Amino acid sequence: MKKPNLYLISNSQPIGWDMYDSAVVVASDEKSAKLIYPSDTYATESEWWKNKYAVWAWCLPEQVEVTLLGKAGNDLKLGEVVCSSFNAG
């Protein structure tokens, strides 16, 4: 079985208080990484970007910048958020 990748996802929009600026996530490809919400709060919603509260703290998938970091370990699952950066206000 092919190991998933680790990606750094970053918000390309201006960052304010109570917003995520980035996260490290587990995904099979860049497109999938853009669809992962940076916390567990809205992770179960398949289209979290339609939730105004989710978008308030993050950005739309098309505004996410993605950087491949490497391969994920065997203990990590697709869609998992390894860590995230939140600017509390």
C-alpha atoms as a PDB file:
ATOM      1  CA  MET A   1       0.000   0.000   0.000  1.00  0.00           C
ATOM      2  CA  LYS A   2       1.290   3.447  -0.950  1.00  0.00           C
ATOM      3  CA  LYS A   3       2.103   5.740   1.992  1.00  0.00           C
ATOM      4  CA  PRO A   4       0.217   9.044   2.109  1.00  0.00           C
ATOM      5  CA  ASN A   5       2.048  12.355   2.062  1.00  0.00           C
ATOM      6  CA  LEU A   6       2.544  15.076   4.645  1.00  0.00           C
ATOM      7  CA  TYR A   7       1.634  18.560   3.429  1.00  0.00           C
ATOM      8  CA  LEU A   8       1.964  22.014   4.915  1.00  0.00           C
ATOM      9  CA  ILE A   9      -1.251  23.891   4.151  1.00  0.00           C
ATOM     10  CA  SER A  10      -1.130  27.673   4.531  1.00  0.00           C
ATOM     11  CA  ASN A  11      -3.751  30.404   4.422  1.00  0.00           C
ATOM     12  CA  SER A  12      -2.816  32.749   1.557  1.00  0.00           C
ATOM     13  CA  GLN A  13      -5.222  35.459   2.777  1.00  0.00           C
ATOM     14  CA  PRO A  14      -4.492  38.183   5.364  1.00  0.00           C
ATOM     15  CA  ILE A  15      -4.394  36.620   8.836  1.00  0.00           C
ATOM     16  CA  GLY A  16      -6.226  38.156  11.771  1.00  0.00           C
ATOM     17  CA  TRP A  17      -7.100  37.156  15.322  1.00  0.00           C
ATOM     18  CA  ASP A  18      -8.903  33.859  15.869  1.00  0.00           C
ATOM     19  CA  MET A  19      -7.692  32.446  12.565  1.00  0.00           C
ATOM     20  CA  TYR A  20      -5.532  29.515  11.474  1.00  0.00           C
ATOM     21  CA  ASP A  21      -2.480  30.404   9.436  1.00  0.00           C
ATOM     22  CA  SER A  22      -1.254  26.884   8.674  1.00  0.00           C
ATOM     23  CA  ALA A  23      -1.338  23.174   9.454  1.00  0.00           C
ATOM     24  CA  VAL A  24       0.461  19.951   8.648  1.00  0.00           C
ATOM     25  CA  VAL A  25      -1.954  17.385   7.228  1.00  0.00           C
ATOM     26  CA  VAL A  26      -1.947  13.853   5.817  1.00  0.00           C
ATOM     27  CA  ALA A  27      -3.298  13.534   2.278  1.00  0.00           C
ATOM     28  CA  SER A  28      -2.826  11.526  -0.904  1.00  0.00           C
ATOM     29  CA  ASP A  29      -2.308  14.602  -3.099  1.00  0.00           C
ATOM     30  CA  GLU A  30      -2.322  18.424  -3.170  1.00  0.00           C
ATOM     31  CA  LYS A  31      -5.984  18.675  -4.136  1.00  0.00           C
ATOM     32  CA  SER A  32      -7.035  16.530  -1.162  1.00  0.00           C
ATOM     33  CA  ALA A  33      -4.792  18.513   1.191  1.00  0.00           C
ATOM     34  CA  LYS A  34      -6.592  21.763   0.242  1.00  0.00           C
ATOM     35  CA  LEU A  35      -9.900  20.244   1.391  1.00  0.00           C
ATOM     36  CA  ILE A  36      -8.715  19.417   4.930  1.00  0.00           C
ATOM     37  CA  TYR A  37      -9.823  21.827   7.659  1.00  0.00           C
ATOM     38  CA  PRO A  38      -6.936  22.626  10.057  1.00  0.00           C
ATOM     39  CA  SER A  39      -8.721  21.394  13.201  1.00  0.00           C
ATOM     40  CA  ASP A  40     -11.192  18.739  14.314  1.00  0.00           C
ATOM     41  CA  THR A  41     -13.974  21.323  14.716  1.00  0.00           C
ATOM     42  CA  TYR A  42     -15.287  21.102  11.139  1.00  0.00           C
ATOM     43  CA  ALA A  43     -13.301  18.080   9.948  1.00  0.00           C
ATOM     44  CA  THR A  44     -16.373  15.860   9.761  1.00  0.00           C
ATOM     45  CA  GLU A  45     -18.221  18.245   7.432  1.00  0.00           C
ATOM     46  CA  SER A  46     -17.578  17.148   3.847  1.00  0.00           C
ATOM     47  CA  GLU A  47     -18.065  20.710   2.571  1.00  0.00           C
ATOM     48  CA  TRP A  48     -16.873  22.747   5.564  1.00  0.00           C
ATOM     49  CA  TRP A  49     -16.221  25.783   3.298  1.00  0.00           C
ATOM     50  CA  LYS A  50     -20.002  26.322   3.107  1.00  0.00           C
ATOM     51  CA  ASN A  51     -20.088  26.917   6.884  1.00  0.00           C
ATOM     52  CA  LYS A  52     -19.579  30.653   7.542  1.00  0.00           C
ATOM     53  CA  TYR A  53     -17.984  30.006  10.933  1.00  0.00           C
ATOM     54  CA  ALA A  54     -15.437  27.578   9.460  1.00  0.00           C
ATOM     55  CA  VAL A  55     -14.424  30.058   6.746  1.00  0.00           C
ATOM     56  CA  TRP A  56     -14.117  32.851   9.328  1.00  0.00           C
ATOM     57  CA  ALA A  57     -11.215  30.999  10.955  1.00  0.00           C
ATOM     58  CA  TRP A  58      -9.610  29.596   7.785  1.00  0.00           C
ATOM     59  CA  CYS A  59      -9.897  30.273   4.061  1.00  0.00           C
ATOM     60  CA  LEU A  60     -11.565  28.743   1.031  1.00  0.00           C
ATOM     61  CA  PRO A  61      -9.881  25.668  -0.520  1.00  0.00           C
ATOM     62  CA  GLU A  62      -8.803  27.650  -3.599  1.00  0.00           C
ATOM     63  CA  GLN A  63      -6.957  30.093  -1.283  1.00  0.00           C
ATOM     64  CA  VAL A  64      -4.906  27.366   0.404  1.00  0.00           C
ATOM     65  CA  GLU A  65      -1.213  27.128  -0.483  1.00  0.00           C
ATOM     66  CA  VAL A  66       0.181  23.586  -0.332  1.00  0.00           C
ATOM     67  CA  THR A  67       3.769  22.421   0.175  1.00  0.00           C
ATOM     68  CA  LEU A  68       4.787  18.756   0.072  1.00  0.00           C
ATOM     69  CA  LEU A  69       6.859  17.890   3.158  1.00  0.00           C
ATOM     70  CA  GLY A  70       7.409  14.156   2.618  1.00  0.00           C
ATOM     71  CA  LYS A  71       5.854  10.774   3.340  1.00  0.00           C
ATOM     72  CA  ALA A  72       3.616  10.163   6.348  1.00  0.00           C
ATOM     73  CA  GLY A  73       4.389   7.524   8.940  1.00  0.00           C
ATOM     74  CA  ASN A  74       2.426   4.275   9.113  1.00  0.00           C
ATOM     75  CA  ASP A  75       0.508   5.437  12.187  1.00  0.00           C
ATOM     76  CA  LEU A  76      -1.037   8.467  10.407  1.00  0.00           C
ATOM     77  CA  LYS A  77      -4.334   8.334   8.494  1.00  0.00           C
ATOM     78  CA  LEU A  78      -5.576  10.224   5.442  1.00  0.00           C
ATOM     79  CA  GLY A  79      -7.284  13.463   6.430  1.00  0.00           C
ATOM     80  CA  GLU A  80      -5.529  13.688   9.784  1.00  0.00           C
ATOM     81  CA  VAL A  81      -4.245  17.031  11.084  1.00  0.00           C
ATOM     82  CA  VAL A  82      -0.811  16.493  12.622  1.00  0.00           C
ATOM     83  CA  CYS A  83      -0.529  20.034  14.010  1.00  0.00           C
ATOM     84  CA  SER A  84      -1.958  23.471  13.297  1.00  0.00           C
ATOM     85  CA  SER A  85      -1.172  27.095  14.058  1.00  0.00           C
ATOM     86  CA  PHE A  86      -4.012  29.240  15.445  1.00  0.00           C
ATOM     87  CA  ASN A  87      -3.728  32.965  16.194  1.00  0.00           C
ATOM     88  CA  ALA A  88      -5.885  33.382  19.299  1.00  0.00           C
ATOM     89  CA  GLY A  89      -7.162  36.863  19.997  1.00  0.00           C
END
